[in-house]
Amino acid sequence: MDANNTFDSDLIHAIFKHIWARRFRERERSDAIDATEAELQVALGTTKKNRLASANANALKLSCELLKSFVSEAVQRAAIIAEAEGMDKIEATHLERILPQLLLDF
């Protein structure tokens, strides 16, 4: 497979880091854990705050391939719907129609 025919792993990594940072900030604001449980986790060193989120190169490559496959399948299914309606272009409504089944299939 051609390396240029997939998503940029640096872009996917940047997206992951953005999501991880947002979730970290949400956890910081959340007071869902009571004090005794939090103290126990700190004593054991198992708090989520102590763990760093990261992804190795193989995980990023696999994520890129999965995303490529997902997008390709979405376009193909939407094109079938558009063609059945006699249209030359895929519109948002075509993607909306195929999305529920696509999400179930993936």
PDB file of N, CA and C in Angstrom:
ATOM      1  N   MET A   1       0.834  -1.176   0.000  1.00  0.00           N
ATOM      2  CA  MET A   1       0.000   0.000   0.000  1.00  0.00           C
ATOM      3  C   MET A   1       0.882   1.243   0.000  1.00  0.00           C
ATOM      4  N   ASP A   2       0.469   2.228  -0.746  1.00  0.00           N
ATOM      5  CA  ASP A   2       1.209   3.484  -0.848  1.00  0.00           C
ATOM      6  C   ASP A   2       1.072   4.283   0.440  1.00  0.00           C
ATOM      7  N   ALA A   3       2.179   4.764   0.961  1.00  0.00           N
ATOM      8  CA  ALA A   3       2.172   5.515   2.217  1.00  0.00           C
ATOM      9  C   ALA A   3       1.430   6.839   2.080  1.00  0.00           C
ATOM     10  N   ASN A   4       1.342   7.381   0.872  1.00  0.00           N
ATOM     11  CA  ASN A   4       0.641   8.646   0.655  1.00  0.00           C
ATOM     12  C   ASN A   4      -0.866   8.467   0.594  1.00  0.00           C
ATOM     13  N   ASN A   5      -1.326   7.232   0.606  1.00  0.00           N
ATOM     14  CA  ASN A   5      -2.733   6.936   0.446  1.00  0.00           C
ATOM     15  C   ASN A   5      -3.414   6.707   1.800  1.00  0.00           C
ATOM     16  N   THR A   6      -2.931   7.347   2.835  1.00  0.00           N
ATOM     17  CA  THR A   6      -3.514   7.196   4.167  1.00  0.00           C
ATOM     18  C   THR A   6      -3.453   8.521   4.899  1.00  0.00           C
ATOM     19  N   PHE A   7      -4.013   8.564   6.096  1.00  0.00           N
ATOM     20  CA  PHE A   7      -3.988   9.776   6.897  1.00  0.00           C
ATOM     21  C   PHE A   7      -2.601   9.961   7.507  1.00  0.00           C
ATOM     22  N   ASP A   8      -2.242  11.192   7.749  1.00  0.00           N
ATOM     23  CA  ASP A   8      -0.954  11.523   8.349  1.00  0.00           C
ATOM     24  C   ASP A   8      -0.981  11.126   9.825  1.00  0.00           C
ATOM     25  N   SER A   9      -0.038  10.294  10.244  1.00  0.00           N
ATOM     26  CA  SER A   9      -0.027   9.828  11.625  1.00  0.00           C
ATOM     27  C   SER A   9       0.228  10.968  12.609  1.00  0.00           C
ATOM     28  N   ASP A  10       0.961  11.998  12.190  1.00  0.00           N
ATOM     29  CA  ASP A  10       1.179  13.155  13.065  1.00  0.00           C
ATOM     30  C   ASP A  10      -0.138  13.891  13.329  1.00  0.00           C
ATOM     31  N   LEU A  11      -0.981  13.974  12.314  1.00  0.00           N
ATOM     32  CA  LEU A  11      -2.280  14.612  12.473  1.00  0.00           C
ATOM     33  C   LEU A  11      -3.157  13.810  13.430  1.00  0.00           C
ATOM     34  N   ILE A  12      -3.189  12.505  13.245  1.00  0.00           N
ATOM     35  CA  ILE A  12      -3.986  11.645  14.119  1.00  0.00           C
ATOM     36  C   ILE A  12      -3.471  11.732  15.550  1.00  0.00           C
ATOM     37  N   HIS A  13      -2.151  11.752  15.722  1.00  0.00           N
ATOM     38  CA  HIS A  13      -1.572  11.881  17.061  1.00  0.00           C
ATOM     39  C   HIS A  13      -1.956  13.211  17.694  1.00  0.00           C
ATOM     40  N   ALA A  14      -1.947  14.279  16.927  1.00  0.00           N
ATOM     41  CA  ALA A  14      -2.339  15.591  17.442  1.00  0.00           C
ATOM     42  C   ALA A  14      -3.811  15.593  17.869  1.00  0.00           C
ATOM     43  N   ILE A  15      -4.659  14.925  17.103  1.00  0.00           N
ATOM     44  CA  ILE A  15      -6.081  14.822  17.462  1.00  0.00           C
ATOM     45  C   ILE A  15      -6.229  14.045  18.763  1.00  0.00           C
ATOM     46  N   PHE A  16      -5.521  12.917  18.878  1.00  0.00           N
ATOM     47  CA  PHE A  16      -5.573  12.124  20.109  1.00  0.00           C
ATOM     48  C   PHE A  16      -5.118  12.953  21.302  1.00  0.00           C
ATOM     49  N   LYS A  17      -4.010  13.680  21.151  1.00  0.00           N
ATOM     50  CA  LYS A  17      -3.489  14.484  22.255  1.00  0.00           C
ATOM     51  C   LYS A  17      -4.493  15.566  22.661  1.00  0.00           C
ATOM     52  N   HIS A  18      -5.164  16.145  21.689  1.00  0.00           N
ATOM     53  CA  HIS A  18      -6.175  17.161  21.981  1.00  0.00           C
ATOM     54  C   HIS A  18      -7.312  16.558  22.806  1.00  0.00           C
ATOM     55  N   ILE A  19      -7.793  15.394  22.415  1.00  0.00           N
ATOM     56  CA  ILE A  19      -8.876  14.717  23.136  1.00  0.00           C
ATOM     57  C   ILE A  19      -8.416  14.338  24.537  1.00  0.00           C
ATOM     58  N   TRP A  20      -7.202  13.795  24.657  1.00  0.00           N
ATOM     59  CA  TRP A  20      -6.684  13.416  25.976  1.00  0.00           C
ATOM     60  C   TRP A  20      -6.578  14.626  26.888  1.00  0.00           C
ATOM     61  N   ALA A  21      -6.122  15.761  26.366  1.00  0.00           N
ATOM     62  CA  ALA A  21      -5.998  16.977  27.169  1.00  0.00           C
ATOM     63  C   ALA A  21      -7.373  17.474  27.616  1.00  0.00           C
ATOM     64  N   ARG A  22      -8.350  17.404  26.721  1.00  0.00           N
ATOM     65  CA  ARG A  22      -9.702  17.845  27.075  1.00  0.00           C
ATOM     66  C   ARG A  22     -10.290  16.956  28.161  1.00  0.00           C
ATOM     67  N   ARG A  23     -10.104  15.647  28.021  1.00  0.00           N
ATOM     68  CA  ARG A  23     -10.612  14.739  29.057  1.00  0.00           C
ATOM     69  C   ARG A  23      -9.907  14.959  30.385  1.00  0.00           C
ATOM     70  N   PHE A  24      -8.619  15.256  30.349  1.00  0.00           N
ATOM     71  CA  PHE A  24      -7.878  15.532  31.571  1.00  0.00           C
ATOM     72  C   PHE A  24      -8.450  16.761  32.269  1.00  0.00           C
ATOM     73  N   ARG A  25      -8.725  17.817  31.488  1.00  0.00           N
ATOM     74  CA  ARG A  25      -9.302  19.034  32.074  1.00  0.00           C
ATOM     75  C   ARG A  25     -10.686  18.770  32.654  1.00  0.00           C
ATOM     76  N   GLU A  26     -11.487  17.934  31.971  1.00  0.00           N
ATOM     77  CA  GLU A  26     -12.812  17.593  32.485  1.00  0.00           C
ATOM     78  C   GLU A  26     -12.707  16.821  33.794  1.00  0.00           C
ATOM     79  N   ARG A  27     -11.747  15.911  33.874  1.00  0.00           N
ATOM     80  CA  ARG A  27     -11.542  15.158  35.114  1.00  0.00           C
ATOM     81  C   ARG A  27     -11.084  16.076  36.230  1.00  0.00           C
ATOM     82  N   GLU A  28     -10.264  17.072  35.891  1.00  0.00           N
ATOM     83  CA  GLU A  28      -9.795  18.021  36.889  1.00  0.00           C
ATOM     84  C   GLU A  28     -10.976  18.767  37.503  1.00  0.00           C
ATOM     85  N   ARG A  29     -11.949  19.131  36.695  1.00  0.00           N
ATOM     86  CA  ARG A  29     -13.108  19.885  37.178  1.00  0.00           C
ATOM     87  C   ARG A  29     -14.122  19.006  37.903  1.00  0.00           C
ATOM     88  N   SER A  30     -14.093  17.743  37.600  1.00  0.00           N
ATOM     89  CA  SER A  30     -15.079  16.829  38.164  1.00  0.00           C
ATOM     90  C   SER A  30     -14.755  16.506  39.617  1.00  0.00           C
ATOM     91  N   ASP A  31     -15.772  16.501  40.439  1.00  0.00           N
ATOM     92  CA  ASP A  31     -15.610  16.129  41.845  1.00  0.00           C
ATOM     93  C   ASP A  31     -16.343  14.817  42.124  1.00  0.00           C
ATOM     94  N   ALA A  32     -16.316  13.907  41.152  1.00  0.00           N
ATOM     95  CA  ALA A  32     -17.083  12.675  41.259  1.00  0.00           C
ATOM     96  C   ALA A  32     -16.500  11.699  42.276  1.00  0.00           C
ATOM     97  N   ILE A  33     -15.186  11.728  42.504  1.00  0.00           N
ATOM     98  CA  ILE A  33     -14.559  10.792  43.431  1.00  0.00           C
ATOM     99  C   ILE A  33     -14.628  11.376  44.835  1.00  0.00           C
ATOM    100  N   ASP A  34     -15.119  10.592  45.778  1.00  0.00           N
ATOM    101  CA  ASP A  34     -15.159  11.108  47.147  1.00  0.00           C
ATOM    102  C   ASP A  34     -13.756  11.114  47.754  1.00  0.00           C
ATOM    103  N   ALA A  35     -13.595  11.826  48.840  1.00  0.00           N
ATOM    104  CA  ALA A  35     -12.273  12.080  49.416  1.00  0.00           C
ATOM    105  C   ALA A  35     -11.560  10.803  49.835  1.00  0.00           C
ATOM    106  N   THR A  36     -12.251   9.857  50.440  1.00  0.00           N
ATOM    107  CA  THR A  36     -11.564   8.655  50.924  1.00  0.00           C
ATOM    108  C   THR A  36     -11.068   7.797  49.775  1.00  0.00           C
ATOM    109  N   GLU A  37     -11.853   7.681  48.744  1.00  0.00           N
ATOM    110  CA  GLU A  37     -11.426   6.899  47.581  1.00  0.00           C
ATOM    111  C   GLU A  37     -10.243   7.570  46.906  1.00  0.00           C
ATOM    112  N   ALA A  38     -10.260   8.890  46.826  1.00  0.00           N
ATOM    113  CA  ALA A  38      -9.155   9.627  46.219  1.00  0.00           C
ATOM    114  C   ALA A  38      -7.879   9.449  47.024  1.00  0.00           C
ATOM    115  N   GLU A  39      -7.991   9.485  48.355  1.00  0.00           N
ATOM    116  CA  GLU A  39      -6.814   9.288  49.203  1.00  0.00           C
ATOM    117  C   GLU A  39      -6.232   7.891  49.015  1.00  0.00           C
ATOM    118  N   LEU A  40      -7.100   6.899  48.905  1.00  0.00           N
ATOM    119  CA  LEU A  40      -6.645   5.523  48.691  1.00  0.00           C
ATOM    120  C   LEU A  40      -5.927   5.398  47.352  1.00  0.00           C
ATOM    121  N   GLN A  41      -6.469   5.991  46.317  1.00  0.00           N
ATOM    122  CA  GLN A  41      -5.838   5.923  45.000  1.00  0.00           C
ATOM    123  C   GLN A  41      -4.488   6.620  45.001  1.00  0.00           C
ATOM    124  N   VAL A  42      -4.390   7.749  45.679  1.00  0.00           N
ATOM    125  CA  VAL A  42      -3.121   8.465  45.746  1.00  0.00           C
ATOM    126  C   VAL A  42      -2.098   7.615  46.494  1.00  0.00           C
ATOM    127  N   ALA A  43      -2.523   6.982  47.575  1.00  0.00           N
ATOM    128  CA  ALA A  43      -1.613   6.133  48.354  1.00  0.00           C
ATOM    129  C   ALA A  43      -1.107   4.959  47.517  1.00  0.00           C
ATOM    130  N   LEU A  44      -1.968   4.427  46.680  1.00  0.00           N
ATOM    131  CA  LEU A  44      -1.569   3.301  45.835  1.00  0.00           C
ATOM    132  C   LEU A  44      -0.876   3.748  44.554  1.00  0.00           C
ATOM    133  N   GLY A  45      -0.944   5.035  44.265  1.00  0.00           N
ATOM    134  CA  GLY A  45      -0.327   5.556  43.042  1.00  0.00           C
ATOM    135  C   GLY A  45      -1.076   5.179  41.786  1.00  0.00           C
ATOM    136  N   THR A  46      -2.402   5.010  41.905  1.00  0.00           N
ATOM    137  CA  THR A  46      -3.183   4.553  40.762  1.00  0.00           C
ATOM    138  C   THR A  46      -4.153   5.602  40.240  1.00  0.00           C
ATOM    139  N   THR A  47      -3.961   6.843  40.571  1.00  0.00           N
ATOM    140  CA  THR A  47      -4.892   7.853  40.072  1.00  0.00           C
ATOM    141  C   THR A  47      -4.716   8.029  38.570  1.00  0.00           C
ATOM    142  N   LYS A  48      -5.792   8.387  37.940  1.00  0.00           N
ATOM    143  CA  LYS A  48      -5.735   8.620  36.497  1.00  0.00           C
ATOM    144  C   LYS A  48      -4.830   9.807  36.173  1.00  0.00           C
ATOM    145  N   LYS A  49      -4.711  10.714  37.104  1.00  0.00           N
ATOM    146  CA  LYS A  49      -3.874  11.894  36.885  1.00  0.00           C
ATOM    147  C   LYS A  49      -2.398  11.511  36.806  1.00  0.00           C
ATOM    148  N   ASN A  50      -2.025  10.400  37.454  1.00  0.00           N
ATOM    149  CA  ASN A  50      -0.630   9.976  37.458  1.00  0.00           C
ATOM    150  C   ASN A  50      -0.213   9.327  36.139  1.00  0.00           C
ATOM    151  N   ARG A  51      -1.185   8.837  35.389  1.00  0.00           N
ATOM    152  CA  ARG A  51      -0.868   8.126  34.152  1.00  0.00           C
ATOM    153  C   ARG A  51      -0.831   9.082  32.972  1.00  0.00           C
ATOM    154  N   LEU A  52       0.185   8.944  32.154  1.00  0.00           N
ATOM    155  CA  LEU A  52       0.283   9.760  30.951  1.00  0.00           C
ATOM    156  C   LEU A  52      -0.321   9.001  29.778  1.00  0.00           C
ATOM    157  N   ALA A  53      -1.101   9.693  28.972  1.00  0.00           N
ATOM    158  CA  ALA A  53      -1.668   9.090  27.782  1.00  0.00           C
ATOM    159  C   ALA A  53      -0.653   9.213  26.647  1.00  0.00           C
ATOM    160  N   SER A  54      -0.413   8.113  25.976  1.00  0.00           N
ATOM    161  CA  SER A  54       0.508   8.139  24.853  1.00  0.00           C
ATOM    162  C   SER A  54       0.108   7.052  23.867  1.00  0.00           C
ATOM    163  N   ALA A  55       0.671   7.137  22.702  1.00  0.00           N
ATOM    164  CA  ALA A  55       0.397   6.134  21.677  1.00  0.00           C
ATOM    165  C   ALA A  55       1.709   5.812  20.968  1.00  0.00           C
ATOM    166  N   ASN A  56       1.948   4.527  20.758  1.00  0.00           N
ATOM    167  CA  ASN A  56       3.177   4.176  20.041  1.00  0.00           C
ATOM    168  C   ASN A  56       2.936   4.241  18.534  1.00  0.00           C
ATOM    169  N   ALA A  57       3.980   4.117  17.786  1.00  0.00           N
ATOM    170  CA  ALA A  57       3.915   4.290  16.327  1.00  0.00           C
ATOM    171  C   ALA A  57       2.985   3.270  15.670  1.00  0.00           C
ATOM    172  N   ASN A  58       3.019   2.037  16.144  1.00  0.00           N
ATOM    173  CA  ASN A  58       2.156   1.010  15.544  1.00  0.00           C
ATOM    174  C   ASN A  58       0.683   1.300  15.810  1.00  0.00           C
ATOM    175  N   ALA A  59       0.363   1.792  17.001  1.00  0.00           N
ATOM    176  CA  ALA A  59      -1.020   2.142  17.312  1.00  0.00           C
ATOM    177  C   ALA A  59      -1.494   3.299  16.436  1.00  0.00           C
ATOM    178  N   LEU A  60      -0.629   4.267  16.210  1.00  0.00           N
ATOM    179  CA  LEU A  60      -0.998   5.389  15.340  1.00  0.00           C
ATOM    180  C   LEU A  60      -1.192   4.932  13.900  1.00  0.00           C
ATOM    181  N   LYS A  61      -0.314   4.050  13.435  1.00  0.00           N
ATOM    182  CA  LYS A  61      -0.440   3.537  12.071  1.00  0.00           C
ATOM    183  C   LYS A  61      -1.750   2.768  11.908  1.00  0.00           C
ATOM    184  N   LEU A  62      -2.074   1.950  12.895  1.00  0.00           N
ATOM    185  CA  LEU A  62      -3.315   1.189  12.851  1.00  0.00           C
ATOM    186  C   LEU A  62      -4.528   2.115  12.901  1.00  0.00           C
ATOM    187  N   SER A  63      -4.468   3.148  13.721  1.00  0.00           N
ATOM    188  CA  SER A  63      -5.560   4.121  13.801  1.00  0.00           C
ATOM    189  C   SER A  63      -5.760   4.827  12.469  1.00  0.00           C
ATOM    190  N   CYS A  64      -4.673   5.167  11.800  1.00  0.00           N
ATOM    191  CA  CYS A  64      -4.753   5.804  10.486  1.00  0.00           C
ATOM    192  C   CYS A  64      -5.418   4.884   9.467  1.00  0.00           C
ATOM    193  N   GLU A  65      -5.041   3.626   9.476  1.00  0.00           N
ATOM    194  CA  GLU A  65      -5.620   2.664   8.541  1.00  0.00           C
ATOM    195  C   GLU A  65      -7.104   2.436   8.816  1.00  0.00           C
ATOM    196  N   LEU A  66      -7.470   2.363  10.091  1.00  0.00           N
ATOM    197  CA  LEU A  66      -8.877   2.184  10.448  1.00  0.00           C
ATOM    198  C   LEU A  66      -9.694   3.395  10.016  1.00  0.00           C
ATOM    199  N   LEU A  67      -9.167   4.580  10.239  1.00  0.00           N
ATOM    200  CA  LEU A  67      -9.861   5.801   9.826  1.00  0.00           C
ATOM    201  C   LEU A  67     -10.007   5.861   8.310  1.00  0.00           C
ATOM    202  N   LYS A  68      -8.961   5.474   7.607  1.00  0.00           N
ATOM    203  CA  LYS A  68      -9.005   5.451   6.139  1.00  0.00           C
ATOM    204  C   LYS A  68     -10.085   4.488   5.657  1.00  0.00           C
ATOM    205  N   SER A  69     -10.129   3.318   6.255  1.00  0.00           N
ATOM    206  CA  SER A  69     -11.124   2.315   5.888  1.00  0.00           C
ATOM    207  C   SER A  69     -12.538   2.818   6.177  1.00  0.00           C
ATOM    208  N   PHE A  70     -12.721   3.451   7.323  1.00  0.00           N
ATOM    209  CA  PHE A  70     -14.028   3.975   7.710  1.00  0.00           C
ATOM    210  C   PHE A  70     -14.506   5.041   6.727  1.00  0.00           C
ATOM    211  N   VAL A  71     -13.636   5.994   6.418  1.00  0.00           N
ATOM    212  CA  VAL A  71     -14.011   7.084   5.506  1.00  0.00           C
ATOM    213  C   VAL A  71     -14.283   6.549   4.103  1.00  0.00           C
ATOM    214  N   SER A  72     -13.457   5.636   3.640  1.00  0.00           N
ATOM    215  CA  SER A  72     -13.644   5.048   2.316  1.00  0.00           C
ATOM    216  C   SER A  72     -14.984   4.324   2.222  1.00  0.00           C
ATOM    217  N   GLU A  73     -15.301   3.559   3.244  1.00  0.00           N
ATOM    218  CA  GLU A  73     -16.582   2.835   3.258  1.00  0.00           C
ATOM    219  C   GLU A  73     -17.761   3.802   3.306  1.00  0.00           C
ATOM    220  N   ALA A  74     -17.627   4.879   4.071  1.00  0.00           N
ATOM    221  CA  ALA A  74     -18.698   5.866   4.149  1.00  0.00           C
ATOM    222  C   ALA A  74     -18.944   6.517   2.785  1.00  0.00           C
ATOM    223  N   VAL A  75     -17.878   6.866   2.089  1.00  0.00           N
ATOM    224  CA  VAL A  75     -18.018   7.488   0.777  1.00  0.00           C
ATOM    225  C   VAL A  75     -18.637   6.515  -0.223  1.00  0.00           C
ATOM    226  N   GLN A  76     -18.209   5.263  -0.201  1.00  0.00           N
ATOM    227  CA  GLN A  76     -18.759   4.275  -1.124  1.00  0.00           C
ATOM    228  C   GLN A  76     -20.247   4.055  -0.893  1.00  0.00           C
ATOM    229  N   ARG A  77     -20.636   3.919   0.370  1.00  0.00           N
ATOM    230  CA  ARG A  77     -22.058   3.703   0.669  1.00  0.00           C
ATOM    231  C   ARG A  77     -22.896   4.928   0.315  1.00  0.00           C
ATOM    232  N   ALA A  78     -22.382   6.123   0.602  1.00  0.00           N
ATOM    233  CA  ALA A  78     -23.116   7.342   0.265  1.00  0.00           C
ATOM    234  C   ALA A  78     -23.220   7.506  -1.245  1.00  0.00           C
ATOM    235  N   ALA A  79     -22.185   7.100  -1.979  1.00  0.00           N
ATOM    236  CA  ALA A  79     -22.224   7.179  -3.448  1.00  0.00           C
ATOM    237  C   ALA A  79     -23.297   6.257  -4.014  1.00  0.00           C
ATOM    238  N   ILE A  80     -23.468   5.102  -3.417  1.00  0.00           N
ATOM    239  CA  ILE A  80     -24.515   4.167  -3.870  1.00  0.00           C
ATOM    240  C   ILE A  80     -25.892   4.794  -3.679  1.00  0.00           C
ATOM    241  N   ILE A  81     -26.110   5.434  -2.542  1.00  0.00           N
ATOM    242  CA  ILE A  81     -27.391   6.097  -2.271  1.00  0.00           C
ATOM    243  C   ILE A  81     -27.596   7.253  -3.255  1.00  0.00           C
ATOM    244  N   ALA A  82     -26.559   8.057  -3.461  1.00  0.00           N
ATOM    245  CA  ALA A  82     -26.669   9.195  -4.386  1.00  0.00           C
ATOM    246  C   ALA A  82     -26.961   8.715  -5.806  1.00  0.00           C
ATOM    247  N   GLU A  83     -26.286   7.640  -6.222  1.00  0.00           N
ATOM    248  CA  GLU A  83     -26.510   7.096  -7.569  1.00  0.00           C
ATOM    249  C   GLU A  83     -27.930   6.561  -7.712  1.00  0.00           C
ATOM    250  N   ALA A  84     -28.441   5.937  -6.674  1.00  0.00           N
ATOM    251  CA  ALA A  84     -29.810   5.414  -6.716  1.00  0.00           C
ATOM    252  C   ALA A  84     -30.835   6.545  -6.843  1.00  0.00           C
ATOM    253  N   GLU A  85     -30.488   7.709  -6.328  1.00  0.00           N
ATOM    254  CA  GLU A  85     -31.377   8.873  -6.438  1.00  0.00           C
ATOM    255  C   GLU A  85     -31.138   9.661  -7.722  1.00  0.00           C
ATOM    256  N   GLY A  86     -30.183   9.209  -8.536  1.00  0.00           N
ATOM    257  CA  GLY A  86     -29.910   9.876  -9.797  1.00  0.00           C
ATOM    258  C   GLY A  86     -29.065  11.131  -9.668  1.00  0.00           C
ATOM    259  N   MET A  87     -28.313  11.239  -8.601  1.00  0.00           N
ATOM    260  CA  MET A  87     -27.484  12.420  -8.386  1.00  0.00           C
ATOM    261  C   MET A  87     -26.026  12.101  -8.690  1.00  0.00           C
ATOM    262  N   ASP A  88     -25.290  13.152  -9.096  1.00  0.00           N
ATOM    263  CA  ASP A  88     -23.873  12.985  -9.414  1.00  0.00           C
ATOM    264  C   ASP A  88     -22.960  13.278  -8.230  1.00  0.00           C
ATOM    265  N   LYS A  89     -23.484  13.998  -7.238  1.00  0.00           N
ATOM    266  CA  LYS A  89     -22.669  14.395  -6.089  1.00  0.00           C
ATOM    267  C   LYS A  89     -23.251  13.824  -4.800  1.00  0.00           C
ATOM    268  N   ILE A  90     -22.348  13.522  -3.867  1.00  0.00           N
ATOM    269  CA  ILE A  90     -22.772  13.065  -2.547  1.00  0.00           C
ATOM    270  C   ILE A  90     -23.092  14.291  -1.705  1.00  0.00           C
ATOM    271  N   GLU A  91     -24.232  14.258  -1.047  1.00  0.00           N
ATOM    272  CA  GLU A  91     -24.635  15.357  -0.181  1.00  0.00           C
ATOM    273  C   GLU A  91     -24.685  14.868   1.265  1.00  0.00           C
ATOM    274  N   ALA A  92     -24.808  15.801   2.176  1.00  0.00           N
ATOM    275  CA  ALA A  92     -24.840  15.467   3.603  1.00  0.00           C
ATOM    276  C   ALA A  92     -25.985  14.510   3.926  1.00  0.00           C
ATOM    277  N   THR A  93     -27.103  14.642   3.238  1.00  0.00           N
ATOM    278  CA  THR A  93     -28.239  13.762   3.515  1.00  0.00           C
ATOM    279  C   THR A  93     -27.908  12.303   3.188  1.00  0.00           C
ATOM    280  N   HIS A  94     -27.080  12.088   2.188  1.00  0.00           N
ATOM    281  CA  HIS A  94     -26.675  10.721   1.847  1.00  0.00           C
ATOM    282  C   HIS A  94     -25.820  10.121   2.966  1.00  0.00           C
ATOM    283  N   LEU A  95     -24.916  10.927   3.491  1.00  0.00           N
ATOM    284  CA  LEU A  95     -24.084  10.463   4.609  1.00  0.00           C
ATOM    285  C   LEU A  95     -24.932  10.229   5.855  1.00  0.00           C
ATOM    286  N   GLU A  96     -25.916  11.080   6.083  1.00  0.00           N
ATOM    287  CA  GLU A  96     -26.795  10.898   7.236  1.00  0.00           C
ATOM    288  C   GLU A  96     -27.572   9.592   7.142  1.00  0.00           C
ATOM    289  N   ARG A  97     -27.948   9.208   5.948  1.00  0.00           N
ATOM    290  CA  ARG A  97     -28.721   7.984   5.769  1.00  0.00           C
ATOM    291  C   ARG A  97     -27.900   6.724   5.975  1.00  0.00           C
ATOM    292  N   ILE A  98     -26.616   6.752   5.622  1.00  0.00           N
ATOM    293  CA  ILE A  98     -25.794   5.546   5.745  1.00  0.00           C
ATOM    294  C   ILE A  98     -25.095   5.444   7.096  1.00  0.00           C
ATOM    295  N   LEU A  99     -25.027   6.548   7.824  1.00  0.00           N
ATOM    296  CA  LEU A  99     -24.253   6.582   9.061  1.00  0.00           C
ATOM    297  C   LEU A  99     -24.699   5.575  10.132  1.00  0.00           C
ATOM    298  N   PRO A 100     -25.991   5.417  10.430  1.00  0.00           N
ATOM    299  CA  PRO A 100     -26.360   4.460  11.489  1.00  0.00           C
ATOM    300  C   PRO A 100     -25.857   3.042  11.216  1.00  0.00           C
ATOM    301  N   GLN A 101     -26.069   2.543  10.017  1.00  0.00           N
ATOM    302  CA  GLN A 101     -25.625   1.182   9.709  1.00  0.00           C
ATOM    303  C   GLN A 101     -24.113   1.094   9.649  1.00  0.00           C
ATOM    304  N   LEU A 102     -23.460   2.131   9.147  1.00  0.00           N
ATOM    305  CA  LEU A 102     -22.000   2.151   9.089  1.00  0.00           C
ATOM    306  C   LEU A 102     -21.396   2.061  10.482  1.00  0.00           C
ATOM    307  N   LEU A 103     -21.960   2.810  11.421  1.00  0.00           N
ATOM    308  CA  LEU A 103     -21.461   2.754  12.800  1.00  0.00           C
ATOM    309  C   LEU A 103     -21.684   1.382  13.429  1.00  0.00           C
ATOM    310  N   LEU A 104     -22.772   0.756  13.100  1.00  0.00           N
ATOM    311  CA  LEU A 104     -23.020  -0.607  13.600  1.00  0.00           C
ATOM    312  C   LEU A 104     -22.034  -1.602  12.987  1.00  0.00           C
ATOM    313  N   ASP A 105     -21.691  -1.412  11.732  1.00  0.00           N
ATOM    314  CA  ASP A 105     -20.781  -2.338  11.056  1.00  0.00           C
ATOM    315  C   ASP A 105     -19.342  -2.180  11.544  1.00  0.00           C
ATOM    316  N   PHE A 106     -18.975  -0.991  11.959  1.00  0.00           N
ATOM    317  CA  PHE A 106     -17.614  -0.780  12.437  1.00  0.00           C
ATOM    318  C   PHE A 106     -17.591  -0.953  13.928  1.00  0.00           C
TER     319      PHE A 106
END
